PDB file of all heavy atoms in Angstrom:
ATOM      1  N   GLN A   1       0.828  -1.234  -0.018  1.00  0.00           N
ATOM      2  CA  GLN A   1      -0.036  -0.005  -0.025  1.00  0.00           C
ATOM      3  C   GLN A   1       0.881   1.295  -0.006  1.00  0.00           C
ATOM      4  O   GLN A   1       0.549   2.284  -0.671  1.00  0.00           O
ATOM      5  CB  GLN A   1      -0.884   0.023   1.207  1.00  0.00           C
ATOM      6  CG  GLN A   1      -2.045  -0.976   1.217  1.00  0.00           C
ATOM      7  CD  GLN A   1      -1.518  -2.348   1.545  1.00  0.00           C
ATOM      8  OE1 GLN A   1      -0.780  -2.549   2.527  1.00  0.00           O
ATOM      9  NE2 GLN A   1      -1.932  -3.380   0.789  1.00  0.00           N
ATOM     10  N   ARG A   2       1.978   1.282   0.789  1.00  0.00           N
ATOM     11  CA  ARG A   2       2.750   2.485   0.951  1.00  0.00           C
ATOM     12  C   ARG A   2       3.627   2.761  -0.226  1.00  0.00           C
ATOM     13  O   ARG A   2       3.803   3.874  -0.701  1.00  0.00           O
ATOM     14  CB  ARG A   2       3.568   2.404   2.171  1.00  0.00           C
ATOM     15  CG  ARG A   2       2.693   2.466   3.437  1.00  0.00           C
ATOM     16  CD  ARG A   2       3.500   2.533   4.719  1.00  0.00           C
ATOM     17  NE  ARG A   2       2.608   2.682   5.837  1.00  0.00           N
ATOM     18  CZ  ARG A   2       2.221   1.628   6.669  1.00  0.00           C
ATOM     19  NH1 ARG A   2       2.774   0.467   6.559  1.00  0.00           N
ATOM     20  NH2 ARG A   2       1.478   1.895   7.658  1.00  0.00           N
ATOM     21  N   LEU A   3       4.247   1.750  -0.929  1.00  0.00           N
ATOM     22  CA  LEU A   3       5.076   1.932  -2.056  1.00  0.00           C
ATOM     23  C   LEU A   3       4.313   2.569  -3.186  1.00  0.00           C
ATOM     24  O   LEU A   3       4.798   3.636  -3.753  1.00  0.00           O
ATOM     25  CB  LEU A   3       5.786   0.644  -2.444  1.00  0.00           C
ATOM     26  CG  LEU A   3       6.846   0.829  -3.532  1.00  0.00           C
ATOM     27  CD1 LEU A   3       7.946   1.751  -3.125  1.00  0.00           C
ATOM     28  CD2 LEU A   3       7.339  -0.483  -3.980  1.00  0.00           C
ATOM     29  N   PRO A   4       3.091   2.148  -3.559  1.00  0.00           N
ATOM     30  CA  PRO A   4       2.414   2.852  -4.675  1.00  0.00           C
ATOM     31  C   PRO A   4       2.037   4.270  -4.413  1.00  0.00           C
ATOM     32  O   PRO A   4       2.116   5.131  -5.261  1.00  0.00           O
ATOM     33  CB  PRO A   4       1.144   2.001  -4.867  1.00  0.00           C
ATOM     34  CG  PRO A   4       1.368   0.697  -4.240  1.00  0.00           C
ATOM     35  CD  PRO A   4       2.475   0.909  -3.144  1.00  0.00           C
ATOM     36  N   ARG A   5       1.820   4.577  -3.100  1.00  0.00           N
ATOM     37  CA  ARG A   5       1.485   5.966  -2.742  1.00  0.00           C
ATOM     38  C   ARG A   5       2.706   6.799  -2.859  1.00  0.00           C
ATOM     39  O   ARG A   5       2.587   7.998  -3.130  1.00  0.00           O
ATOM     40  CB  ARG A   5       0.990   6.020  -1.335  1.00  0.00           C
ATOM     41  CG  ARG A   5      -0.432   5.394  -1.120  1.00  0.00           C
ATOM     42  CD  ARG A   5      -0.890   5.532   0.307  1.00  0.00           C
ATOM     43  NE  ARG A   5      -2.140   4.786   0.427  1.00  0.00           N
ATOM     44  CZ  ARG A   5      -2.321   3.994   1.551  1.00  0.00           C
ATOM     45  NH1 ARG A   5      -1.557   3.896   2.453  1.00  0.00           N
ATOM     46  NH2 ARG A   5      -3.537   3.385   1.599  1.00  0.00           N
ATOM     47  N   CYS A   6       3.808   6.194  -2.748  1.00  0.00           N
ATOM     48  CA  CYS A   6       5.058   6.904  -2.791  1.00  0.00           C
ATOM     49  C   CYS A   6       5.672   7.108  -4.312  1.00  0.00           C
ATOM     50  O   CYS A   6       6.078   8.191  -4.588  1.00  0.00           O
ATOM     51  CB  CYS A   6       6.114   6.179  -1.954  1.00  0.00           C
ATOM     52  SG  CYS A   6       7.679   7.007  -1.587  1.00  0.00           S
ATOM     53  N   VAL A   7       5.605   6.093  -5.067  1.00  0.00           N
ATOM     54  CA  VAL A   7       6.250   6.076  -6.351  1.00  0.00           C
ATOM     55  C   VAL A   7       5.247   5.884  -7.520  1.00  0.00           C
ATOM     56  O   VAL A   7       5.647   5.995  -8.663  1.00  0.00           O
ATOM     57  CB  VAL A   7       7.381   5.008  -6.489  1.00  0.00           C
ATOM     58  CG1 VAL A   7       8.400   5.280  -5.444  1.00  0.00           C
ATOM     59  CG2 VAL A   7       6.884   3.636  -6.430  1.00  0.00           C
ATOM     60  N   GLY A   8       4.038   5.683  -7.198  1.00  0.00           N
ATOM     61  CA  GLY A   8       3.021   5.375  -8.234  1.00  0.00           C
ATOM     62  C   GLY A   8       2.783   3.884  -8.395  1.00  0.00           C
ATOM     63  O   GLY A   8       3.641   3.075  -8.078  1.00  0.00           O
ATOM     64  N   ILE A   9       1.610   3.574  -8.905  1.00  0.00           N
ATOM     65  CA  ILE A   9       1.116   2.190  -9.013  1.00  0.00           C
ATOM     66  C   ILE A   9       2.020   1.368  -9.940  1.00  0.00           C
ATOM     67  O   ILE A   9       2.542   0.262  -9.575  1.00  0.00           O
ATOM     68  CB  ILE A   9      -0.352   2.063  -9.472  1.00  0.00           C
ATOM     69  CG1 ILE A   9      -1.210   2.645  -8.303  1.00  0.00           C
ATOM     70  CG2 ILE A   9      -0.752   0.603  -9.804  1.00  0.00           C
ATOM     71  CD1 ILE A   9      -2.674   2.863  -8.708  1.00  0.00           C
ATOM     72  N   GLY A  10       2.269   1.880 -11.206  1.00  0.00           N
ATOM     73  CA  GLY A  10       3.060   1.104 -12.141  1.00  0.00           C
ATOM     74  C   GLY A  10       4.448   0.721 -11.637  1.00  0.00           C
ATOM     75  O   GLY A  10       4.892  -0.387 -11.809  1.00  0.00           O
ATOM     76  N   LEU A  11       5.155   1.768 -11.169  1.00  0.00           N
ATOM     77  CA  LEU A  11       6.474   1.534 -10.696  1.00  0.00           C
ATOM     78  C   LEU A  11       6.482   0.654  -9.495  1.00  0.00           C
ATOM     79  O   LEU A  11       7.383  -0.234  -9.363  1.00  0.00           O
ATOM     80  CB  LEU A  11       7.259   2.849 -10.496  1.00  0.00           C
ATOM     81  CG  LEU A  11       8.655   2.813 -10.063  1.00  0.00           C
ATOM     82  CD1 LEU A  11       9.458   2.007 -11.158  1.00  0.00           C
ATOM     83  CD2 LEU A  11       9.264   4.148  -9.931  1.00  0.00           C
ATOM     84  N   ALA A  12       5.606   0.837  -8.596  1.00  0.00           N
ATOM     85  CA  ALA A  12       5.465  -0.040  -7.490  1.00  0.00           C
ATOM     86  C   ALA A  12       5.284  -1.538  -7.809  1.00  0.00           C
ATOM     87  O   ALA A  12       5.898  -2.408  -7.333  1.00  0.00           O
ATOM     88  CB  ALA A  12       4.373   0.409  -6.489  1.00  0.00           C
ATOM     89  N   LYS A  13       4.429  -1.809  -8.799  1.00  0.00           N
ATOM     90  CA  LYS A  13       4.167  -3.073  -9.244  1.00  0.00           C
ATOM     91  C   LYS A  13       5.465  -3.647  -9.841  1.00  0.00           C
ATOM     92  O   LYS A  13       5.777  -4.802  -9.600  1.00  0.00           O
ATOM     93  CB  LYS A  13       3.030  -3.139 -10.320  1.00  0.00           C
ATOM     94  CG  LYS A  13       1.731  -2.971  -9.691  1.00  0.00           C
ATOM     95  CD  LYS A  13       0.599  -3.053 -10.760  1.00  0.00           C
ATOM     96  CE  LYS A  13      -0.782  -2.894 -10.134  1.00  0.00           C
ATOM     97  NZ  LYS A  13      -1.883  -2.888 -11.171  1.00  0.00           N
ATOM     98  N   GLU A  14       6.096  -2.872 -10.658  1.00  0.00           N
ATOM     99  CA  GLU A  14       7.401  -3.370 -11.298  1.00  0.00           C
ATOM    100  C   GLU A  14       8.368  -3.699 -10.185  1.00  0.00           C
ATOM    101  O   GLU A  14       9.044  -4.771 -10.245  1.00  0.00           O
ATOM    102  CB  GLU A  14       8.012  -2.316 -12.126  1.00  0.00           C
ATOM    103  CG  GLU A  14       9.224  -2.659 -12.895  1.00  0.00           C
ATOM    104  CD  GLU A  14       9.754  -1.628 -13.779  1.00  0.00           C
ATOM    105  OE1 GLU A  14       9.016  -0.766 -14.306  1.00  0.00           O
ATOM    106  OE2 GLU A  14      10.990  -1.584 -13.998  1.00  0.00           O
ATOM    107  N   LEU A  15       8.578  -2.895  -9.230  1.00  0.00           N
ATOM    108  CA  LEU A  15       9.537  -3.133  -8.128  1.00  0.00           C
ATOM    109  C   LEU A  15       9.203  -4.377  -7.286  1.00  0.00           C
ATOM    110  O   LEU A  15      10.060  -5.125  -6.995  1.00  0.00           O
ATOM    111  CB  LEU A  15       9.743  -1.892  -7.276  1.00  0.00           C
ATOM    112  CG  LEU A  15      10.398  -0.705  -7.956  1.00  0.00           C
ATOM    113  CD1 LEU A  15      10.296   0.562  -7.005  1.00  0.00           C
ATOM    114  CD2 LEU A  15      11.866  -0.936  -8.382  1.00  0.00           C
ATOM    115  N   ILE A  16       7.951  -4.483  -6.984  1.00  0.00           N
ATOM    116  CA  ILE A  16       7.492  -5.667  -6.161  1.00  0.00           C
ATOM    117  C   ILE A  16       7.518  -6.908  -7.033  1.00  0.00           C
ATOM    118  O   ILE A  16       8.016  -7.953  -6.546  1.00  0.00           O
ATOM    119  CB  ILE A  16       6.127  -5.397  -5.627  1.00  0.00           C
ATOM    120  CG1 ILE A  16       6.214  -4.295  -4.509  1.00  0.00           C
ATOM    121  CG2 ILE A  16       5.559  -6.638  -5.047  1.00  0.00           C
ATOM    122  CD1 ILE A  16       4.888  -3.773  -4.057  1.00  0.00           C
ATOM    123  N   PHE A  17       7.073  -6.924  -8.258  1.00  0.00           N
ATOM    124  CA  PHE A  17       6.979  -8.051  -9.109  1.00  0.00           C
ATOM    125  C   PHE A  17       8.445  -8.626  -9.359  1.00  0.00           C
ATOM    126  O   PHE A  17       8.626  -9.787  -9.496  1.00  0.00           O
ATOM    127  CB  PHE A  17       6.289  -7.790 -10.433  1.00  0.00           C
ATOM    128  CG  PHE A  17       4.865  -7.487 -10.366  1.00  0.00           C
ATOM    129  CD1 PHE A  17       4.184  -6.974 -11.468  1.00  0.00           C
ATOM    130  CD2 PHE A  17       4.111  -7.600  -9.211  1.00  0.00           C
ATOM    131  CE1 PHE A  17       2.813  -6.700 -11.475  1.00  0.00           C
ATOM    132  CE2 PHE A  17       2.759  -7.216  -9.141  1.00  0.00           C
ATOM    133  CZ  PHE A  17       2.112  -6.787 -10.304  1.00  0.00           C
ATOM    134  N   THR A  18       9.389  -7.723  -9.577  1.00  0.00           N
ATOM    135  CA  THR A  18      10.743  -8.124  -9.914  1.00  0.00           C
ATOM    136  C   THR A  18      11.636  -8.355  -8.682  1.00  0.00           C
ATOM    137  O   THR A  18      12.667  -9.069  -8.817  1.00  0.00           O
ATOM    138  CB  THR A  18      11.448  -7.064 -10.851  1.00  0.00           C
ATOM    139  OG1 THR A  18      11.626  -5.850 -10.056  1.00  0.00           O
ATOM    140  CG2 THR A  18      10.656  -6.834 -12.138  1.00  0.00           C
ATOM    141  N   GLY A  19      11.195  -7.790  -7.581  1.00  0.00           N
ATOM    142  CA  GLY A  19      12.091  -7.818  -6.428  1.00  0.00           C
ATOM    143  C   GLY A  19      13.379  -7.002  -6.549  1.00  0.00           C
ATOM    144  O   GLY A  19      14.322  -7.252  -5.861  1.00  0.00           O
ATOM    145  N   ARG A  20      13.331  -6.100  -7.493  1.00  0.00           N
ATOM    146  CA  ARG A  20      14.524  -5.298  -7.824  1.00  0.00           C
ATOM    147  C   ARG A  20      14.994  -4.400  -6.711  1.00  0.00           C
ATOM    148  O   ARG A  20      14.170  -3.914  -5.946  1.00  0.00           O
ATOM    149  CB  ARG A  20      14.204  -4.434  -9.060  1.00  0.00           C
ATOM    150  CG  ARG A  20      15.423  -3.630  -9.455  1.00  0.00           C
ATOM    151  CD  ARG A  20      15.133  -2.626 -10.727  1.00  0.00           C
ATOM    152  NE  ARG A  20      14.588  -3.436 -11.755  1.00  0.00           N
ATOM    153  CZ  ARG A  20      13.507  -3.093 -12.490  1.00  0.00           C
ATOM    154  NH1 ARG A  20      12.981  -1.913 -12.241  1.00  0.00           N
ATOM    155  NH2 ARG A  20      13.030  -3.840 -13.459  1.00  0.00           N
ATOM    156  N   GLN A  21      16.338  -4.332  -6.553  1.00  0.00           N
ATOM    157  CA  GLN A  21      16.867  -3.406  -5.548  1.00  0.00           C
ATOM    158  C   GLN A  21      17.357  -2.180  -6.318  1.00  0.00           C
ATOM    159  O   GLN A  21      17.876  -2.206  -7.422  1.00  0.00           O
ATOM    160  CB  GLN A  21      18.115  -4.073  -4.900  1.00  0.00           C
ATOM    161  CG  GLN A  21      17.791  -5.242  -3.982  1.00  0.00           C
ATOM    162  CD  GLN A  21      19.007  -5.873  -3.330  1.00  0.00           C
ATOM    163  OE1 GLN A  21      19.913  -5.129  -2.938  1.00  0.00           O
ATOM    164  NE2 GLN A  21      18.987  -7.206  -3.197  1.00  0.00           N
ATOM    165  N   VAL A  22      17.200  -1.114  -5.620  1.00  0.00           N
ATOM    166  CA  VAL A  22      17.672   0.232  -6.195  1.00  0.00           C
ATOM    167  C   VAL A  22      18.560   0.929  -5.200  1.00  0.00           C
ATOM    168  O   VAL A  22      18.563   0.661  -3.975  1.00  0.00           O
ATOM    169  CB  VAL A  22      16.516   1.187  -6.558  1.00  0.00           C
ATOM    170  CG1 VAL A  22      15.637   0.637  -7.569  1.00  0.00           C
ATOM    171  CG2 VAL A  22      15.729   1.495  -5.296  1.00  0.00           C
ATOM    172  N   ASP A  23      19.551   1.732  -5.758  1.00  0.00           N
ATOM    173  CA  ASP A  23      20.377   2.457  -4.820  1.00  0.00           C
ATOM    174  C   ASP A  23      19.722   3.776  -4.426  1.00  0.00           C
ATOM    175  O   ASP A  23      18.633   4.118  -4.944  1.00  0.00           O
ATOM    176  CB  ASP A  23      21.809   2.650  -5.467  1.00  0.00           C
ATOM    177  CG  ASP A  23      21.799   3.576  -6.675  1.00  0.00           C
ATOM    178  OD1 ASP A  23      20.959   4.459  -6.889  1.00  0.00           O
ATOM    179  OD2 ASP A  23      22.718   3.391  -7.491  1.00  0.00           O
ATOM    180  N   GLY A  24      20.395   4.544  -3.512  1.00  0.00           N
ATOM    181  CA  GLY A  24      19.876   5.739  -3.052  1.00  0.00           C
ATOM    182  C   GLY A  24      19.578   6.840  -4.120  1.00  0.00           C
ATOM    183  O   GLY A  24      18.507   7.482  -4.072  1.00  0.00           O
ATOM    184  N   GLN A  25      20.435   6.881  -5.017  1.00  0.00           N
ATOM    185  CA  GLN A  25      20.210   7.840  -6.160  1.00  0.00           C
ATOM    186  C   GLN A  25      19.079   7.439  -7.011  1.00  0.00           C
ATOM    187  O   GLN A  25      18.221   8.365  -7.375  1.00  0.00           O
ATOM    188  CB  GLN A  25      21.504   8.010  -7.014  1.00  0.00           C
ATOM    189  CG  GLN A  25      21.523   9.276  -7.879  1.00  0.00           C
ATOM    190  CD  GLN A  25      21.251  10.562  -7.122  1.00  0.00           C
ATOM    191  OE1 GLN A  25      21.979  10.880  -6.212  1.00  0.00           O
ATOM    192  NE2 GLN A  25      20.283  11.370  -7.540  1.00  0.00           N
TER     193      GLN A  25
END
């Protein structure tokens, strides 16, 4: 719930579906 509110639904789905890690930048 919190990630989509922060970055948007599409990007949140991508990040959760892939389990991708991102750096601070």
